Amino acid sequence: APLSTVRTTICEVWAYNLDEEVKKIRQVLRKYNYVAMSFRRLGKTR
């Protein structure tokens, strides 16, 4: 689909809503070939 017709949604995903958001991603993948994700890990890093 042309980029002008694609809706972009940014969602915050936490432990409490992970299953629901993964289900939404699966629905999107039925129509589109790609999903972009950015991950940030809170807390200490080694």
PDB file of N, CA and C in Angstrom:
ATOM      1  N   ALA A   1       0.845  -1.184   0.000  1.00  0.00           N
ATOM      2  CA  ALA A   1       0.000   0.000   0.000  1.00  0.00           C
ATOM      3  C   ALA A   1       0.883   1.237   0.000  1.00  0.00           C
ATOM      4  N   PRO A   2       0.446   2.282  -0.650  1.00  0.00           N
ATOM      5  CA  PRO A   2       1.218   3.529  -0.622  1.00  0.00           C
ATOM      6  C   PRO A   2       1.355   4.025   0.816  1.00  0.00           C
ATOM      7  N   LEU A   3       2.481   4.626   1.113  1.00  0.00           N
ATOM      8  CA  LEU A   3       2.720   5.076   2.480  1.00  0.00           C
ATOM      9  C   LEU A   3       1.663   6.056   2.968  1.00  0.00           C
ATOM     10  N   SER A   4       1.094   6.847   2.070  1.00  0.00           N
ATOM     11  CA  SER A   4       0.111   7.844   2.490  1.00  0.00           C
ATOM     12  C   SER A   4      -1.172   7.213   3.032  1.00  0.00           C
ATOM     13  N   THR A   5      -1.421   5.951   2.734  1.00  0.00           N
ATOM     14  CA  THR A   5      -2.647   5.305   3.212  1.00  0.00           C
ATOM     15  C   THR A   5      -2.400   4.366   4.389  1.00  0.00           C
ATOM     16  N   VAL A   6      -1.160   4.225   4.817  1.00  0.00           N
ATOM     17  CA  VAL A   6      -0.831   3.326   5.923  1.00  0.00           C
ATOM     18  C   VAL A   6      -0.867   4.111   7.232  1.00  0.00           C
ATOM     19  N   ARG A   7      -1.608   3.598   8.205  1.00  0.00           N
ATOM     20  CA  ARG A   7      -1.702   4.244   9.510  1.00  0.00           C
ATOM     21  C   ARG A   7      -0.559   3.759  10.395  1.00  0.00           C
ATOM     22  N   THR A   8       0.089   4.671  11.076  1.00  0.00           N
ATOM     23  CA  THR A   8       1.172   4.338  11.988  1.00  0.00           C
ATOM     24  C   THR A   8       0.662   4.442  13.417  1.00  0.00           C
ATOM     25  N   THR A   9       0.941   3.416  14.204  1.00  0.00           N
ATOM     26  CA  THR A   9       0.515   3.411  15.599  1.00  0.00           C
ATOM     27  C   THR A   9       1.706   3.068  16.476  1.00  0.00           C
ATOM     28  N   ILE A  10       1.883   3.835  17.527  1.00  0.00           N
ATOM     29  CA  ILE A  10       2.937   3.559  18.504  1.00  0.00           C
ATOM     30  C   ILE A  10       2.259   3.121  19.793  1.00  0.00           C
ATOM     31  N   CYS A  11       2.652   1.957  20.303  1.00  0.00           N
ATOM     32  CA  CYS A  11       2.039   1.404  21.516  1.00  0.00           C
ATOM     33  C   CYS A  11       3.117   1.122  22.548  1.00  0.00           C
ATOM     34  N   GLU A  12       2.801   1.408  23.790  1.00  0.00           N
ATOM     35  CA  GLU A  12       3.686   0.995  24.873  1.00  0.00           C
ATOM     36  C   GLU A  12       3.266  -0.405  25.298  1.00  0.00           C
ATOM     37  N   VAL A  13       4.227  -1.301  25.331  1.00  0.00           N
ATOM     38  CA  VAL A  13       3.934  -2.694  25.679  1.00  0.00           C
ATOM     39  C   VAL A  13       4.685  -3.035  26.961  1.00  0.00           C
ATOM     40  N   TRP A  14       3.927  -3.542  27.913  1.00  0.00           N
ATOM     41  CA  TRP A  14       4.467  -3.948  29.199  1.00  0.00           C
ATOM     42  C   TRP A  14       4.035  -5.386  29.459  1.00  0.00           C
ATOM     43  N   ALA A  15       4.459  -5.941  30.554  1.00  0.00           N
ATOM     44  CA  ALA A  15       4.115  -7.332  30.872  1.00  0.00           C
ATOM     45  C   ALA A  15       2.602  -7.539  30.912  1.00  0.00           C
ATOM     46  N   TYR A  16       1.867  -6.567  31.439  1.00  0.00           N
ATOM     47  CA  TYR A  16       0.421  -6.746  31.605  1.00  0.00           C
ATOM     48  C   TYR A  16      -0.344  -6.750  30.285  1.00  0.00           C
ATOM     49  N   ASN A  17       0.192  -6.139  29.211  1.00  0.00           N
ATOM     50  CA  ASN A  17      -0.542  -6.092  27.940  1.00  0.00           C
ATOM     51  C   ASN A  17       0.207  -6.773  26.790  1.00  0.00           C
ATOM     52  N   LEU A  18       1.236  -7.525  27.105  1.00  0.00           N
ATOM     53  CA  LEU A  18       2.051  -8.163  26.073  1.00  0.00           C
ATOM     54  C   LEU A  18       1.233  -9.088  25.181  1.00  0.00           C
ATOM     55  N   ASP A  19       0.449  -9.968  25.756  1.00  0.00           N
ATOM     56  CA  ASP A  19      -0.333 -10.919  24.947  1.00  0.00           C
ATOM     57  C   ASP A  19      -1.285 -10.206  23.994  1.00  0.00           C
ATOM     58  N   GLU A  20      -1.962  -9.183  24.484  1.00  0.00           N
ATOM     59  CA  GLU A  20      -2.906  -8.432  23.653  1.00  0.00           C
ATOM     60  C   GLU A  20      -2.198  -7.752  22.477  1.00  0.00           C
ATOM     61  N   GLU A  21      -1.039  -7.157  22.735  1.00  0.00           N
ATOM     62  CA  GLU A  21      -0.311  -6.455  21.679  1.00  0.00           C
ATOM     63  C   GLU A  21       0.282  -7.429  20.659  1.00  0.00           C
ATOM     64  N   VAL A  22       0.729  -8.599  21.097  1.00  0.00           N
ATOM     65  CA  VAL A  22       1.233  -9.608  20.163  1.00  0.00           C
ATOM     66  C   VAL A  22       0.107 -10.080  19.252  1.00  0.00           C
ATOM     67  N   LYS A  23      -1.088 -10.221  19.781  1.00  0.00           N
ATOM     68  CA  LYS A  23      -2.243 -10.586  18.948  1.00  0.00           C
ATOM     69  C   LYS A  23      -2.500  -9.528  17.886  1.00  0.00           C
ATOM     70  N   LYS A  24      -2.370  -8.257  18.256  1.00  0.00           N
ATOM     71  CA  LYS A  24      -2.559  -7.167  17.292  1.00  0.00           C
ATOM     72  C   LYS A  24      -1.504  -7.227  16.188  1.00  0.00           C
ATOM     73  N   ILE A  25      -0.265  -7.525  16.555  1.00  0.00           N
ATOM     74  CA  ILE A  25       0.812  -7.633  15.562  1.00  0.00           C
ATOM     75  C   ILE A  25       0.513  -8.765  14.595  1.00  0.00           C
ATOM     76  N   ARG A  26       0.036  -9.882  15.103  1.00  0.00           N
ATOM     77  CA  ARG A  26      -0.314 -11.011  14.226  1.00  0.00           C
ATOM     78  C   ARG A  26      -1.401 -10.620  13.234  1.00  0.00           C
ATOM     79  N   GLN A  27      -2.370  -9.826  13.672  1.00  0.00           N
ATOM     80  CA  GLN A  27      -3.431  -9.363  12.775  1.00  0.00           C
ATOM     81  C   GLN A  27      -2.857  -8.482  11.665  1.00  0.00           C
ATOM     82  N   VAL A  28      -1.940  -7.592  12.023  1.00  0.00           N
ATOM     83  CA  VAL A  28      -1.318  -6.698  11.038  1.00  0.00           C
ATOM     84  C   VAL A  28      -0.520  -7.500  10.021  1.00  0.00           C
ATOM     85  N   LEU A  29       0.169  -8.540  10.479  1.00  0.00           N
ATOM     86  CA  LEU A  29       1.006  -9.341   9.585  1.00  0.00           C
ATOM     87  C   LEU A  29       0.194 -10.138   8.571  1.00  0.00           C
ATOM     88  N   ARG A  30      -1.086 -10.282   8.790  1.00  0.00           N
ATOM     89  CA  ARG A  30      -1.936 -10.934   7.784  1.00  0.00           C
ATOM     90  C   ARG A  30      -2.077 -10.060   6.542  1.00  0.00           C
ATOM     91  N   LYS A  31      -1.954  -8.744   6.732  1.00  0.00           N
ATOM     92  CA  LYS A  31      -2.125  -7.807   5.617  1.00  0.00           C
ATOM     93  C   LYS A  31      -0.790  -7.269   5.099  1.00  0.00           C
ATOM     94  N   TYR A  32       0.153  -7.026   5.991  1.00  0.00           N
ATOM     95  CA  TYR A  32       1.439  -6.424   5.627  1.00  0.00           C
ATOM     96  C   TYR A  32       2.573  -7.411   5.875  1.00  0.00           C
ATOM     97  N   ASN A  33       3.665  -7.227   5.157  1.00  0.00           N
ATOM     98  CA  ASN A  33       4.808  -8.136   5.272  1.00  0.00           C
ATOM     99  C   ASN A  33       5.773  -7.770   6.398  1.00  0.00           C
ATOM    100  N   TYR A  34       5.728  -6.537   6.867  1.00  0.00           N
ATOM    101  CA  TYR A  34       6.714  -6.072   7.838  1.00  0.00           C
ATOM    102  C   TYR A  34       6.049  -5.318   8.975  1.00  0.00           C
ATOM    103  N   VAL A  35       6.659  -5.431  10.150  1.00  0.00           N
ATOM    104  CA  VAL A  35       6.271  -4.648  11.317  1.00  0.00           C
ATOM    105  C   VAL A  35       7.561  -4.124  11.921  1.00  0.00           C
ATOM    106  N   ALA A  36       7.625  -2.832  12.199  1.00  0.00           N
ATOM    107  CA  ALA A  36       8.819  -2.238  12.810  1.00  0.00           C
ATOM    108  C   ALA A  36       8.617  -2.146  14.316  1.00  0.00           C
ATOM    109  N   MET A  37       9.662  -2.506  15.059  1.00  0.00           N
ATOM    110  CA  MET A  37       9.595  -2.446  16.517  1.00  0.00           C
ATOM    111  C   MET A  37      10.884  -1.861  17.055  1.00  0.00           C
ATOM    112  N   SER A  38      10.770  -1.151  18.151  1.00  0.00           N
ATOM    113  CA  SER A  38      11.923  -0.613  18.853  1.00  0.00           C
ATOM    114  C   SER A  38      11.826  -1.085  20.299  1.00  0.00           C
ATOM    115  N   PHE A  39      12.915  -1.619  20.812  1.00  0.00           N
ATOM    116  CA  PHE A  39      12.914  -2.164  22.167  1.00  0.00           C
ATOM    117  C   PHE A  39      13.845  -1.351  23.049  1.00  0.00           C
ATOM    118  N   ARG A  40      13.393  -1.100  24.250  1.00  0.00           N
ATOM    119  CA  ARG A  40      14.239  -0.474  25.262  1.00  0.00           C
ATOM    120  C   ARG A  40      14.101  -1.284  26.533  1.00  0.00           C
ATOM    121  N   ARG A  41      15.214  -1.573  27.125  1.00  0.00           N
ATOM    122  CA  ARG A  41      15.192  -2.348  28.364  1.00  0.00           C
ATOM    123  C   ARG A  41      15.486  -1.412  29.528  1.00  0.00           C
ATOM    124  N   LEU A  42      14.577  -1.374  30.464  1.00  0.00           N
ATOM    125  CA  LEU A  42      14.764  -0.527  31.634  1.00  0.00           C
ATOM    126  C   LEU A  42      15.612  -1.254  32.663  1.00  0.00           C
ATOM    127  N   GLY A  43      16.364  -0.501  33.403  1.00  0.00           N
ATOM    128  CA  GLY A  43      17.164  -1.088  34.464  1.00  0.00           C
ATOM    129  C   GLY A  43      18.645  -1.049  34.148  1.00  0.00           C
ATOM    130  N   LYS A  44      19.403  -1.772  34.929  1.00  0.00           N
ATOM    131  CA  LYS A  44      20.856  -1.782  34.792  1.00  0.00           C
ATOM    132  C   LYS A  44      21.294  -2.634  33.616  1.00  0.00           C
ATOM    133  N   THR A  45      22.378  -2.226  32.992  1.00  0.00           N
ATOM    134  CA  THR A  45      23.012  -3.042  31.956  1.00  0.00           C
ATOM    135  C   THR A  45      24.381  -3.451  32.460  1.00  0.00           C
ATOM    136  N   ARG A  46      24.846  -4.553  31.979  1.00  0.00           N
ATOM    137  CA  ARG A  46      26.155  -5.045  32.436  1.00  0.00           C
ATOM    138  C   ARG A  46      27.270  -4.376  31.718  1.00  0.00           C
TER     139      ARG A  46
END
